[in-house]
Amino acid sequence: MSDLDRNYASPFGRAGASRADAAAVDAGLRAYMLKIYNYMAIGLAITGLAALGVYMAATTGDAGAAAGKIGSTFLTSFGVAMFVSPLKWLFILAPLVMVFAISFGINRLRPATAQMMFWVFSALMGISLSSIFLVYTHSSIVRVFFITAASFGALSLYGYTTKRDMTGMGSFLIMGLFGVIIASLVNLFIASSMLQFVVSLVGVLVFAGLTAWDTQRLKNDYIYGYAAQGGEMAERAAITGALSLYLNFINLFTLLLQLLGQRE
């Protein structure tokens, strides 16, 4: 039996849940978390397919048919539009707009609409990440992806199973996240390789902590907030939960790629 047998203010209105109630909550929690991970996995699959699809459409091995070039990679006219023209900024910024739209509008959206917006966001994120295929070798991208997946799985499992209350870590991690964002913006102007290394290293630690913290937060949100209610509220919570874990994974992956990826 999980730690749901502990005394807590039960969502069923009693000071301590009976074993039958605890078993029901435990089963519901597993189904809820599985739904979150399924949404996240589908989102990652959409991102990967979108990134690979854009890269394949944007590059060519025929120098005579190329419309442009980045490094040693020949670009099609589509590739020039995606990676060279000002249009690239649209796809760089579009995922950020979608994150805010989902996060702040979730309570007004129907679950089906929120789910569709998550898929669109995942595709836009894939488009914005397609440029990594121009920067890093394909083998190192695959290697770092599996390193990220293994690390994420271990961290999320820790967050789900630990009895340690990680609530207090949240504000510290958010402060670290803002620090990483500010330092990254500063480095856009000074272009320091040392600062970039430090930012990537600290960022990995921050998103590693956020992965465990978010997992425990989602677990507690279900136990204390959604077990008895279910329905659309739980569905919306699953979508925003998947979005949180998805963002942790993507950021962990890109930061590890900066540290471990082999450049073309």
Protein backbone atom coordinates (compact mmCIF):
# COMPACT_ATOMS: atom_id res chain seq x y z
CA MET A 1 0.00 0.00 0.00
CA SER A 2 1.29 3.45 -0.83
CA ASP A 3 1.65 6.38 1.55
CA LEU A 4 -2.00 7.18 0.90
CA ASP A 5 -2.72 5.21 4.09
CA ARG A 6 -1.31 8.04 6.18
CA ASN A 7 -3.72 10.24 8.10
CA TYR A 8 -4.66 13.25 6.04
CA ALA A 9 -7.67 15.40 5.38
CA SER A 10 -9.30 12.92 3.04
CA PRO A 11 -11.09 14.18 -0.08
CA PHE A 12 -13.97 12.00 1.10
CA GLY A 13 -14.42 14.20 4.16
CA ARG A 14 -12.96 12.02 6.95
CA ALA A 15 -9.88 12.61 9.04
CA GLY A 16 -8.36 9.34 7.90
CA ALA A 17 -9.18 7.36 4.80
CA SER A 18 -10.22 3.73 5.24
CA ARG A 19 -8.23 1.13 3.41
CA ALA A 20 -10.97 0.81 0.81
CA ASP A 21 -11.00 4.55 0.20
CA ALA A 22 -7.20 4.67 0.10
CA ALA A 23 -7.14 1.85 -2.44
CA ALA A 24 -9.68 3.70 -4.59
CA VAL A 25 -7.66 6.92 -4.43
CA ASP A 26 -4.47 4.99 -5.15
CA ALA A 27 -6.00 3.42 -8.27
CA GLY A 28 -7.39 6.78 -9.39
CA LEU A 29 -4.02 8.44 -8.82
CA ARG A 30 -2.22 5.87 -10.95
CA ALA A 31 -4.73 6.35 -13.76
CA TYR A 32 -4.44 10.13 -13.46
CA MET A 33 -0.63 10.14 -13.55
CA LEU A 34 -0.63 7.64 -16.43
CA LYS A 35 -2.88 10.01 -18.39
CA ILE A 36 -0.44 12.87 -17.72
CA TYR A 37 2.54 10.82 -18.91
CA ASN A 38 0.61 9.64 -21.98
CA TYR A 39 -0.25 13.22 -22.92
CA MET A 40 3.36 14.22 -22.39
CA ALA A 41 4.69 11.29 -24.46
CA ILE A 42 2.33 12.09 -27.34
CA GLY A 43 3.39 15.72 -27.17
CA LEU A 44 7.06 14.72 -27.34
CA ALA A 45 6.35 12.42 -30.29
CA ILE A 46 4.61 15.26 -32.14
CA THR A 47 7.54 17.56 -31.36
CA GLY A 48 10.08 15.06 -32.64
CA LEU A 49 8.17 14.34 -35.84
CA ALA A 50 7.61 18.06 -36.51
CA ALA A 51 11.29 18.87 -35.94
CA LEU A 52 12.49 16.03 -38.18
CA GLY A 53 9.90 16.80 -40.86
CA VAL A 54 10.84 20.49 -41.05
CA TYR A 55 14.55 19.65 -41.17
CA MET A 56 14.08 17.13 -43.99
CA ALA A 57 11.97 19.57 -46.00
CA ALA A 58 14.40 22.42 -45.35
CA THR A 59 17.63 20.71 -46.46
CA THR A 60 18.88 19.14 -49.66
CA GLY A 61 21.94 17.23 -50.74
CA ASP A 62 21.84 18.80 -54.20
CA ALA A 63 24.02 21.90 -54.18
CA GLY A 64 22.69 22.93 -57.59
CA ALA A 65 19.10 23.00 -56.35
CA ALA A 66 19.92 24.77 -53.09
CA ALA A 67 18.48 28.20 -52.39
CA GLY A 68 20.89 28.94 -49.57
CA LYS A 69 23.40 27.45 -47.16
CA ILE A 70 24.11 27.34 -43.43
CA GLY A 71 27.55 26.02 -42.65
CA SER A 72 27.96 22.92 -44.80
CA THR A 73 24.20 22.30 -45.06
CA PHE A 74 22.38 23.25 -48.26
CA LEU A 75 18.90 24.71 -47.81
CA THR A 76 15.81 24.56 -49.95
CA SER A 77 13.72 27.69 -50.44
CA PHE A 78 11.58 26.41 -47.56
CA GLY A 79 14.72 26.05 -45.45
CA VAL A 80 15.77 29.62 -46.21
CA ALA A 81 12.32 30.83 -45.11
CA MET A 82 12.43 28.76 -41.91
CA PHE A 83 16.04 29.29 -40.81
CA VAL A 84 17.25 32.51 -42.46
CA SER A 85 14.32 34.83 -43.14
CA PRO A 86 12.54 36.85 -40.43
CA LEU A 87 9.80 34.18 -40.52
CA LYS A 88 11.96 32.11 -38.17
CA TRP A 89 11.12 34.49 -35.30
CA LEU A 90 7.44 33.68 -35.69
CA PHE A 91 8.09 30.01 -34.96
CA ILE A 92 10.58 30.81 -32.21
CA LEU A 93 8.06 32.98 -30.34
CA ALA A 94 4.85 31.08 -31.19
CA PRO A 95 5.39 28.30 -28.58
CA LEU A 96 5.77 30.92 -25.85
CA VAL A 97 2.46 32.51 -26.85
CA MET A 98 0.78 29.09 -26.80
CA VAL A 99 2.12 28.30 -23.31
CA PHE A 100 0.59 31.47 -21.91
CA ALA A 101 -2.67 30.85 -23.79
CA ILE A 102 -3.00 27.34 -22.34
CA SER A 103 -1.81 28.21 -18.83
CA PHE A 104 -3.95 31.30 -18.30
CA GLY A 105 -6.98 30.16 -20.30
CA ILE A 106 -7.23 26.56 -19.10
CA ASN A 107 -10.18 27.16 -16.78
CA ARG A 108 -12.22 28.69 -19.62
CA LEU A 109 -11.36 26.02 -22.19
CA ARG A 110 -13.17 22.80 -22.85
CA PRO A 111 -10.84 19.83 -22.21
CA ALA A 112 -10.95 18.83 -25.91
CA THR A 113 -9.95 22.37 -26.92
CA ALA A 114 -7.14 22.48 -24.35
CA GLN A 115 -5.91 19.11 -25.56
CA MET A 116 -5.86 20.28 -29.18
CA MET A 117 -3.97 23.43 -28.17
CA PHE A 118 -1.40 21.24 -26.44
CA TRP A 119 -0.89 19.24 -29.64
CA VAL A 120 -0.53 22.46 -31.66
CA PHE A 121 1.94 23.79 -29.10
CA SER A 122 3.95 20.55 -29.33
CA ALA A 123 4.12 20.86 -33.13
CA LEU A 124 5.21 24.50 -32.92
CA MET A 125 7.88 23.56 -30.41
CA GLY A 126 9.11 20.90 -32.83
CA ILE A 127 9.32 23.46 -35.63
CA SER A 128 11.29 25.84 -33.40
CA LEU A 129 13.66 23.02 -32.36
CA SER A 130 14.28 21.76 -35.91
CA SER A 131 17.41 23.92 -36.16
CA ILE A 132 19.24 21.62 -33.72
CA PHE A 133 19.74 19.23 -36.64
CA LEU A 134 21.81 21.96 -38.31
CA VAL A 135 23.98 22.48 -35.23
CA TYR A 136 24.54 19.04 -33.70
CA THR A 137 25.32 15.63 -35.19
CA HIS A 138 22.31 13.38 -35.44
CA SER A 139 23.94 10.65 -33.37
CA SER A 140 24.61 13.05 -30.49
CA ILE A 141 21.00 14.30 -30.60
CA VAL A 142 19.74 10.72 -30.27
CA ARG A 143 22.25 9.97 -27.50
CA VAL A 144 21.32 13.06 -25.48
CA PHE A 145 17.62 12.32 -25.96
CA PHE A 146 17.99 8.91 -24.33
CA ILE A 147 20.14 10.37 -21.55
CA THR A 148 17.40 12.93 -20.95
CA ALA A 149 14.67 10.29 -21.00
CA ALA A 150 16.51 8.12 -18.46
CA SER A 151 17.26 11.09 -16.20
CA PHE A 152 13.71 12.42 -16.44
CA GLY A 153 12.25 9.01 -15.63
CA ALA A 154 14.45 8.60 -12.55
CA LEU A 155 13.72 12.12 -11.29
CA SER A 156 9.98 11.82 -11.84
CA LEU A 157 9.94 8.43 -10.11
CA TYR A 158 11.75 9.97 -7.15
CA GLY A 159 9.24 12.80 -6.97
CA TYR A 160 6.36 10.33 -7.05
CA THR A 161 7.69 7.88 -4.45
CA THR A 162 9.61 10.02 -1.95
CA LYS A 163 8.04 10.72 1.43
CA ARG A 164 10.07 13.91 1.71
CA ASP A 165 7.93 17.05 1.40
CA MET A 166 9.43 19.02 -1.49
CA THR A 167 7.00 21.95 -1.26
CA GLY A 168 9.64 24.31 0.11
CA MET A 169 11.87 23.68 -2.90
CA GLY A 170 9.36 25.25 -5.28
CA SER A 171 10.13 28.92 -4.62
CA PHE A 172 13.87 28.23 -4.65
CA LEU A 173 13.64 26.44 -8.00
CA ILE A 174 11.48 29.16 -9.53
CA MET A 175 14.05 31.75 -8.45
CA GLY A 176 16.73 29.62 -10.08
CA LEU A 177 14.64 29.43 -13.25
CA PHE A 178 14.32 33.21 -13.45
CA GLY A 179 18.07 33.47 -12.88
CA VAL A 180 18.73 31.12 -15.79
CA ILE A 181 16.37 33.10 -18.06
CA ILE A 182 17.97 36.45 -17.17
CA ALA A 183 21.50 35.10 -17.61
CA SER A 184 20.54 33.60 -20.98
CA LEU A 185 19.16 36.94 -22.16
CA VAL A 186 22.32 38.71 -21.03
CA ASN A 187 24.44 36.17 -22.88
CA LEU A 188 22.61 36.95 -26.12
CA PHE A 189 24.48 40.27 -26.08
CA ILE A 190 27.87 39.30 -24.65
CA ALA A 191 28.10 35.82 -26.24
CA SER A 192 30.33 34.37 -23.52
CA SER A 193 31.04 30.65 -23.89
CA MET A 194 31.88 30.39 -20.19
CA LEU A 195 28.60 32.03 -19.16
CA GLN A 196 26.75 29.74 -21.55
CA PHE A 197 28.38 26.72 -19.92
CA VAL A 198 27.45 27.94 -16.43
CA VAL A 199 23.88 28.73 -17.51
CA SER A 200 23.50 25.27 -19.08
CA LEU A 201 24.89 23.53 -16.00
CA VAL A 202 22.73 25.48 -13.55
CA GLY A 203 19.74 25.06 -15.86
CA VAL A 204 20.12 21.28 -15.83
CA LEU A 205 20.10 21.31 -12.02
CA VAL A 206 17.06 23.61 -11.92
CA PHE A 207 14.98 21.54 -14.34
CA ALA A 208 16.07 18.31 -12.68
CA GLY A 209 14.70 19.68 -9.42
CA LEU A 210 11.54 20.97 -11.12
CA THR A 211 10.89 17.53 -12.61
CA ALA A 212 10.82 15.87 -9.17
CA TRP A 213 8.97 18.81 -7.59
CA ASP A 214 6.31 18.99 -10.30
CA THR A 215 5.70 15.24 -10.11
CA GLN A 216 5.10 15.41 -6.36
CA ARG A 217 2.94 18.52 -6.82
CA LEU A 218 0.76 16.78 -9.40
CA LYS A 219 0.40 13.77 -7.14
CA ASN A 220 -0.64 15.92 -4.19
CA ASP A 221 -2.97 18.02 -6.35
CA TYR A 222 -4.85 14.86 -7.27
CA ILE A 223 -5.03 13.46 -3.73
CA TYR A 224 -6.19 16.69 -2.13
CA GLY A 225 -8.05 18.32 -4.99
CA TYR A 226 -9.31 16.11 -7.79
CA ALA A 227 -9.92 12.60 -6.41
CA ALA A 228 -13.57 13.20 -5.55
CA GLN A 229 -14.31 15.74 -8.26
CA GLY A 230 -12.98 14.13 -11.44
CA GLY A 231 -14.67 15.16 -14.67
CA GLU A 232 -13.53 18.19 -16.64
CA MET A 233 -11.54 19.64 -13.75
CA ALA A 234 -9.34 16.55 -13.52
CA GLU A 235 -9.00 16.45 -17.31
CA ARG A 236 -7.83 20.07 -17.45
CA ALA A 237 -5.42 19.38 -14.58
CA ALA A 238 -4.00 16.41 -16.50
CA ILE A 239 -3.36 18.59 -19.55
CA THR A 240 -1.63 21.36 -17.58
CA GLY A 241 0.30 18.68 -15.68
CA ALA A 242 1.48 17.17 -18.95
CA LEU A 243 2.48 20.65 -20.14
CA SER A 244 4.58 21.21 -17.00
CA LEU A 245 6.43 17.90 -17.32
CA TYR A 246 6.79 18.35 -21.09
CA LEU A 247 8.47 21.73 -20.60
CA ASN A 248 10.80 20.26 -17.98
CA PHE A 249 11.78 17.48 -20.39
CA ILE A 250 12.34 19.80 -23.37
CA ASN A 251 14.42 22.24 -21.36
CA LEU A 252 16.44 19.44 -19.78
CA PHE A 253 17.06 18.00 -23.25
CA THR A 254 18.18 21.28 -24.85
CA LEU A 255 20.45 22.16 -21.91
CA LEU A 256 22.06 18.71 -21.88
CA LEU A 257 22.47 18.98 -25.65
CA GLN A 258 24.42 22.22 -25.16
CA LEU A 259 26.66 20.44 -22.64
CA LEU A 260 27.02 17.01 -24.25
CA GLY A 261 26.05 17.45 -27.89
CA GLN A 262 28.66 17.09 -30.62
CA ARG A 263 28.52 20.00 -33.03
CA GLU A 264 28.55 19.55 -36.80
